Amino acid sequence: MLAAPGPAGPLPNLAVAGPGHYRLRVHARTLPWDENDPDAPLEEHLLVVYPGRSTDKVVHRPPG
């Protein structure tokens, strides 16, 4: 899991199986406000990357 306060820097190479097509799943969750720690993150993100065959983009839940 990558964690960084504020905006994250560049991600490492996510092509774990070498060149080719990959699928990316993004999970996000909001965290409760901690009034005792104003610098605590308000969101957490999880990126799941795995080899895939399709070149089609699929959005199951559009933003907004």
PDB file of N, CA and C in Angstrom:
ATOM      1  N   MET A   1       0.851  -1.177   0.000  1.00  0.00           N
ATOM      2  CA  MET A   1       0.000   0.000   0.000  1.00  0.00           C
ATOM      3  C   MET A   1       0.892   1.233   0.000  1.00  0.00           C
ATOM      4  N   LEU A   2       0.600   2.164  -0.862  1.00  0.00           N
ATOM      5  CA  LEU A   2       1.340   3.421  -0.914  1.00  0.00           C
ATOM      6  C   LEU A   2       0.626   4.448  -0.062  1.00  0.00           C
ATOM      7  N   ALA A   3       1.356   5.131   0.762  1.00  0.00           N
ATOM      8  CA  ALA A   3       0.734   6.167   1.592  1.00  0.00           C
ATOM      9  C   ALA A   3       1.630   7.392   1.572  1.00  0.00           C
ATOM     10  N   ALA A   4       1.034   8.537   1.453  1.00  0.00           N
ATOM     11  CA  ALA A   4       1.794   9.781   1.456  1.00  0.00           C
ATOM     12  C   ALA A   4       0.883  10.897   1.928  1.00  0.00           C
ATOM     13  N   PRO A   5       1.378  11.769   2.794  1.00  0.00           N
ATOM     14  CA  PRO A   5       0.563  12.917   3.171  1.00  0.00           C
ATOM     15  C   PRO A   5       0.467  13.897   2.009  1.00  0.00           C
ATOM     16  N   GLY A   6      -0.703  14.446   1.790  1.00  0.00           N
ATOM     17  CA  GLY A   6      -0.877  15.398   0.694  1.00  0.00           C
ATOM     18  C   GLY A   6      -0.860  14.675  -0.639  1.00  0.00           C
ATOM     19  N   PRO A   7      -0.687  15.418  -1.719  1.00  0.00           N
ATOM     20  CA  PRO A   7      -0.666  14.796  -3.047  1.00  0.00           C
ATOM     21  C   PRO A   7       0.481  13.795  -3.158  1.00  0.00           C
ATOM     22  N   ALA A   8       0.171  12.632  -3.669  1.00  0.00           N
ATOM     23  CA  ALA A   8       1.185  11.585  -3.826  1.00  0.00           C
ATOM     24  C   ALA A   8       2.111  11.920  -4.979  1.00  0.00           C
ATOM     25  N   GLY A   9       3.305  11.454  -4.883  1.00  0.00           N
ATOM     26  CA  GLY A   9       4.278  11.620  -5.958  1.00  0.00           C
ATOM     27  C   GLY A   9       4.007  10.610  -7.054  1.00  0.00           C
ATOM     28  N   PRO A  10       4.957  10.454  -7.968  1.00  0.00           N
ATOM     29  CA  PRO A  10       4.762   9.498  -9.060  1.00  0.00           C
ATOM     30  C   PRO A  10       4.656   8.071  -8.528  1.00  0.00           C
ATOM     31  N   LEU A  11       3.841   7.266  -9.187  1.00  0.00           N
ATOM     32  CA  LEU A  11       3.683   5.877  -8.809  1.00  0.00           C
ATOM     33  C   LEU A  11       4.844   5.047  -9.352  1.00  0.00           C
ATOM     34  N   PRO A  12       5.142   3.929  -8.716  1.00  0.00           N
ATOM     35  CA  PRO A  12       6.156   3.032  -9.271  1.00  0.00           C
ATOM     36  C   PRO A  12       5.621   2.368 -10.533  1.00  0.00           C
ATOM     37  N   ASN A  13       6.466   1.634 -11.218  1.00  0.00           N
ATOM     38  CA  ASN A  13       6.060   0.901 -12.410  1.00  0.00           C
ATOM     39  C   ASN A  13       5.019  -0.138 -12.005  1.00  0.00           C
ATOM     40  N   LEU A  14       3.803  -0.019 -12.521  1.00  0.00           N
ATOM     41  CA  LEU A  14       2.722  -0.919 -12.154  1.00  0.00           C
ATOM     42  C   LEU A  14       2.610  -2.124 -13.086  1.00  0.00           C
ATOM     43  N   ALA A  15       3.437  -2.198 -14.105  1.00  0.00           N
ATOM     44  CA  ALA A  15       3.409  -3.304 -15.056  1.00  0.00           C
ATOM     45  C   ALA A  15       4.170  -4.491 -14.462  1.00  0.00           C
ATOM     46  N   VAL A  16       3.538  -5.163 -13.518  1.00  0.00           N
ATOM     47  CA  VAL A  16       4.199  -6.212 -12.750  1.00  0.00           C
ATOM     48  C   VAL A  16       4.563  -7.439 -13.587  1.00  0.00           C
ATOM     49  N   ALA A  17       3.854  -7.680 -14.665  1.00  0.00           N
ATOM     50  CA  ALA A  17       4.120  -8.858 -15.491  1.00  0.00           C
ATOM     51  C   ALA A  17       4.803  -8.481 -16.803  1.00  0.00           C
ATOM     52  N   GLY A  18       5.436  -7.323 -16.868  1.00  0.00           N
ATOM     53  CA  GLY A  18       6.111  -6.902 -18.088  1.00  0.00           C
ATOM     54  C   GLY A  18       5.178  -6.192 -19.047  1.00  0.00           C
ATOM     55  N   PRO A  19       5.635  -5.986 -20.282  1.00  0.00           N
ATOM     56  CA  PRO A  19       4.830  -5.254 -21.266  1.00  0.00           C
ATOM     57  C   PRO A  19       3.514  -5.968 -21.574  1.00  0.00           C
ATOM     58  N   GLY A  20       2.525  -5.184 -21.969  1.00  0.00           N
ATOM     59  CA  GLY A  20       1.233  -5.748 -22.350  1.00  0.00           C
ATOM     60  C   GLY A  20       0.093  -4.903 -21.838  1.00  0.00           C
ATOM     61  N   HIS A  21      -1.112  -5.426 -21.974  1.00  0.00           N
ATOM     62  CA  HIS A  21      -2.315  -4.736 -21.523  1.00  0.00           C
ATOM     63  C   HIS A  21      -2.563  -5.064 -20.060  1.00  0.00           C
ATOM     64  N   TYR A  22      -3.079  -4.064 -19.338  1.00  0.00           N
ATOM     65  CA  TYR A  22      -3.389  -4.231 -17.929  1.00  0.00           C
ATOM     66  C   TYR A  22      -4.770  -3.682 -17.636  1.00  0.00           C
ATOM     67  N   ARG A  23      -5.380  -4.205 -16.601  1.00  0.00           N
ATOM     68  CA  ARG A  23      -6.633  -3.686 -16.088  1.00  0.00           C
ATOM     69  C   ARG A  23      -6.304  -2.950 -14.800  1.00  0.00           C
ATOM     70  N   LEU A  24      -7.060  -1.914 -14.516  1.00  0.00           N
ATOM     71  CA  LEU A  24      -6.843  -1.115 -13.321  1.00  0.00           C
ATOM     72  C   LEU A  24      -8.170  -0.951 -12.612  1.00  0.00           C
ATOM     73  N   ARG A  25      -8.189  -1.296 -11.342  1.00  0.00           N
ATOM     74  CA  ARG A  25      -9.378  -1.079 -10.521  1.00  0.00           C
ATOM     75  C   ARG A  25      -8.991  -0.097  -9.430  1.00  0.00           C
ATOM     76  N   VAL A  26      -9.810   0.921  -9.247  1.00  0.00           N
ATOM     77  CA  VAL A  26      -9.532   1.973  -8.266  1.00  0.00           C
ATOM     78  C   VAL A  26     -10.638   1.949  -7.215  1.00  0.00           C
ATOM     79  N   HIS A  27     -10.231   1.875  -5.968  1.00  0.00           N
ATOM     80  CA  HIS A  27     -11.162   1.952  -4.842  1.00  0.00           C
ATOM     81  C   HIS A  27     -10.826   3.212  -4.056  1.00  0.00           C
ATOM     82  N   ALA A  28     -11.836   3.909  -3.594  1.00  0.00           N
ATOM     83  CA  ALA A  28     -11.619   5.111  -2.775  1.00  0.00           C
ATOM     84  C   ALA A  28     -12.610   5.093  -1.622  1.00  0.00           C
ATOM     85  N   ARG A  29     -12.160   5.567  -0.477  1.00  0.00           N
ATOM     86  CA  ARG A  29     -13.075   5.704   0.650  1.00  0.00           C
ATOM     87  C   ARG A  29     -12.735   6.957   1.427  1.00  0.00           C
ATOM     88  N   THR A  30     -13.756   7.565   1.960  1.00  0.00           N
ATOM     89  CA  THR A  30     -13.550   8.745   2.785  1.00  0.00           C
ATOM     90  C   THR A  30     -13.342   8.296   4.229  1.00  0.00           C
ATOM     91  N   LEU A  31     -12.578   9.078   4.956  1.00  0.00           N
ATOM     92  CA  LEU A  31     -12.286   8.798   6.351  1.00  0.00           C
ATOM     93  C   LEU A  31     -12.937   9.864   7.215  1.00  0.00           C
ATOM     94  N   PRO A  32     -13.273   9.522   8.429  1.00  0.00           N
ATOM     95  CA  PRO A  32     -13.885  10.534   9.300  1.00  0.00           C
ATOM     96  C   PRO A  32     -12.890  11.633   9.654  1.00  0.00           C
ATOM     97  N   TRP A  33     -13.409  12.823   9.813  1.00  0.00           N
ATOM     98  CA  TRP A  33     -12.593  13.974  10.189  1.00  0.00           C
ATOM     99  C   TRP A  33     -12.074  13.771  11.603  1.00  0.00           C
ATOM    100  N   ASP A  34     -10.775  13.968  11.809  1.00  0.00           N
ATOM    101  CA  ASP A  34     -10.168  13.864  13.138  1.00  0.00           C
ATOM    102  C   ASP A  34      -9.770  15.268  13.570  1.00  0.00           C
ATOM    103  N   GLU A  35     -10.588  15.876  14.415  1.00  0.00           N
ATOM    104  CA  GLU A  35     -10.316  17.269  14.815  1.00  0.00           C
ATOM    105  C   GLU A  35      -9.046  17.386  15.647  1.00  0.00           C
ATOM    106  N   ASN A  36      -8.560  16.277  16.202  1.00  0.00           N
ATOM    107  CA  ASN A  36      -7.305  16.298  16.960  1.00  0.00           C
ATOM    108  C   ASN A  36      -6.079  16.214  16.059  1.00  0.00           C
ATOM    109  N   ASP A  37      -6.272  15.827  14.806  1.00  0.00           N
ATOM    110  CA  ASP A  37      -5.166  15.720  13.850  1.00  0.00           C
ATOM    111  C   ASP A  37      -5.608  16.315  12.518  1.00  0.00           C
ATOM    112  N   PRO A  38      -5.503  17.643  12.363  1.00  0.00           N
ATOM    113  CA  PRO A  38      -5.983  18.276  11.124  1.00  0.00           C
ATOM    114  C   PRO A  38      -5.195  17.868   9.884  1.00  0.00           C
ATOM    115  N   ASP A  39      -4.024  17.254  10.052  1.00  0.00           N
ATOM    116  CA  ASP A  39      -3.237  16.815   8.898  1.00  0.00           C
ATOM    117  C   ASP A  39      -3.530  15.375   8.505  1.00  0.00           C
ATOM    118  N   ALA A  40      -4.439  14.724   9.206  1.00  0.00           N
ATOM    119  CA  ALA A  40      -4.788  13.339   8.878  1.00  0.00           C
ATOM    120  C   ALA A  40      -5.472  13.292   7.510  1.00  0.00           C
ATOM    121  N   PRO A  41      -5.252  12.220   6.753  1.00  0.00           N
ATOM    122  CA  PRO A  41      -5.882  12.130   5.425  1.00  0.00           C
ATOM    123  C   PRO A  41      -7.398  12.029   5.534  1.00  0.00           C
ATOM    124  N   LEU A  42      -8.086  12.548   4.518  1.00  0.00           N
ATOM    125  CA  LEU A  42      -9.545  12.485   4.460  1.00  0.00           C
ATOM    126  C   LEU A  42     -10.034  11.394   3.513  1.00  0.00           C
ATOM    127  N   GLU A  43      -9.107  10.847   2.719  1.00  0.00           N
ATOM    128  CA  GLU A  43      -9.450   9.780   1.780  1.00  0.00           C
ATOM    129  C   GLU A  43      -8.321   8.770   1.751  1.00  0.00           C
ATOM    130  N   GLU A  44      -8.687   7.543   1.431  1.00  0.00           N
ATOM    131  CA  GLU A  44      -7.708   6.501   1.136  1.00  0.00           C
ATOM    132  C   GLU A  44      -8.036   5.930  -0.230  1.00  0.00           C
ATOM    133  N   HIS A  45      -6.994   5.564  -0.972  1.00  0.00           N
ATOM    134  CA  HIS A  45      -7.177   5.007  -2.309  1.00  0.00           C
ATOM    135  C   HIS A  45      -6.419   3.689  -2.412  1.00  0.00           C
ATOM    136  N   LEU A  46      -7.002   2.752  -3.119  1.00  0.00           N
ATOM    137  CA  LEU A  46      -6.366   1.474  -3.380  1.00  0.00           C
ATOM    138  C   LEU A  46      -6.390   1.253  -4.885  1.00  0.00           C
ATOM    139  N   LEU A  47      -5.228   0.997  -5.467  1.00  0.00           N
ATOM    140  CA  LEU A  47      -5.118   0.684  -6.892  1.00  0.00           C
ATOM    141  C   LEU A  47      -4.797  -0.795  -7.029  1.00  0.00           C
ATOM    142  N   VAL A  48      -5.589  -1.504  -7.823  1.00  0.00           N
ATOM    143  CA  VAL A  48      -5.356  -2.915  -8.094  1.00  0.00           C
ATOM    144  C   VAL A  48      -5.045  -3.023  -9.584  1.00  0.00           C
ATOM    145  N   VAL A  49      -3.871  -3.535  -9.894  1.00  0.00           N
ATOM    146  CA  VAL A  49      -3.424  -3.646 -11.287  1.00  0.00           C
ATOM    147  C   VAL A  49      -3.163  -5.116 -11.585  1.00  0.00           C
ATOM    148  N   TYR A  50      -3.715  -5.593 -12.713  1.00  0.00           N
ATOM    149  CA  TYR A  50      -3.504  -6.983 -13.087  1.00  0.00           C
ATOM    150  C   TYR A  50      -3.524  -7.089 -14.605  1.00  0.00           C
ATOM    151  N   PRO A  51      -2.824  -8.094 -15.151  1.00  0.00           N
ATOM    152  CA  PRO A  51      -2.800  -8.257 -16.615  1.00  0.00           C
ATOM    153  C   PRO A  51      -4.209  -8.481 -17.148  1.00  0.00           C
ATOM    154  N   GLY A  52      -4.474  -7.932 -18.326  1.00  0.00           N
ATOM    155  CA  GLY A  52      -5.780  -8.090 -18.952  1.00  0.00           C
ATOM    156  C   GLY A  52      -5.641  -8.197 -20.452  1.00  0.00           C
ATOM    157  N   ARG A  53      -6.657  -8.729 -21.099  1.00  0.00           N
ATOM    158  CA  ARG A  53      -6.606  -8.920 -22.550  1.00  0.00           C
ATOM    159  C   ARG A  53      -7.347  -7.847 -23.322  1.00  0.00           C
ATOM    160  N   SER A  54      -8.339  -7.239 -22.729  1.00  0.00           N
ATOM    161  CA  SER A  54      -9.192  -6.300 -23.437  1.00  0.00           C
ATOM    162  C   SER A  54      -8.537  -4.926 -23.542  1.00  0.00           C
ATOM    163  N   THR A  55      -8.813  -4.233 -24.634  1.00  0.00           N
ATOM    164  CA  THR A  55      -8.367  -2.851 -24.790  1.00  0.00           C
ATOM    165  C   THR A  55      -9.525  -1.885 -24.587  1.00  0.00           C
ATOM    166  N   ASP A  56     -10.731  -2.434 -24.327  1.00  0.00           N
ATOM    167  CA  ASP A  56     -11.911  -1.584 -24.114  1.00  0.00           C
ATOM    168  C   ASP A  56     -11.886  -0.978 -22.726  1.00  0.00           C
ATOM    169  N   LYS A  57     -12.295   0.280 -22.631  1.00  0.00           N
ATOM    170  CA  LYS A  57     -12.413   0.952 -21.351  1.00  0.00           C
ATOM    171  C   LYS A  57     -13.824   0.722 -20.820  1.00  0.00           C
ATOM    172  N   VAL A  58     -13.919   0.284 -19.575  1.00  0.00           N
ATOM    173  CA  VAL A  58     -15.220   0.029 -18.953  1.00  0.00           C
ATOM    174  C   VAL A  58     -15.308   0.865 -17.673  1.00  0.00           C
ATOM    175  N   VAL A  59     -16.347   1.676 -17.562  1.00  0.00           N
ATOM    176  CA  VAL A  59     -16.595   2.453 -16.347  1.00  0.00           C
ATOM    177  C   VAL A  59     -17.896   1.949 -15.752  1.00  0.00           C
ATOM    178  N   HIS A  60     -17.810   1.354 -14.564  1.00  0.00           N
ATOM    179  CA  HIS A  60     -19.008   0.813 -13.921  1.00  0.00           C
ATOM    180  C   HIS A  60     -19.764   1.868 -13.118  1.00  0.00           C
ATOM    181  N   ARG A  61     -19.047   2.836 -12.604  1.00  0.00           N
ATOM    182  CA  ARG A  61     -19.695   3.897 -11.840  1.00  0.00           C
ATOM    183  C   ARG A  61     -19.013   5.215 -12.205  1.00  0.00           C
ATOM    184  N   PRO A  62     -19.600   5.978 -13.112  1.00  0.00           N
ATOM    185  CA  PRO A  62     -18.976   7.248 -13.511  1.00  0.00           C
ATOM    186  C   PRO A  62     -18.912   8.220 -12.319  1.00  0.00           C
ATOM    187  N   PRO A  63     -17.904   9.097 -12.297  1.00  0.00           N
ATOM    188  CA  PRO A  63     -17.787  10.055 -11.212  1.00  0.00           C
ATOM    189  C   PRO A  63     -18.981  11.023 -11.190  1.00  0.00           C
ATOM    190  N   GLY A  64     -19.292  11.487  -9.982  1.00  0.00           N
ATOM    191  CA  GLY A  64     -20.349  12.491  -9.851  1.00  0.00           C
ATOM    192  C   GLY A  64     -21.607  11.929  -9.544  1.00  0.00           C
TER     193      GLY A  64
END
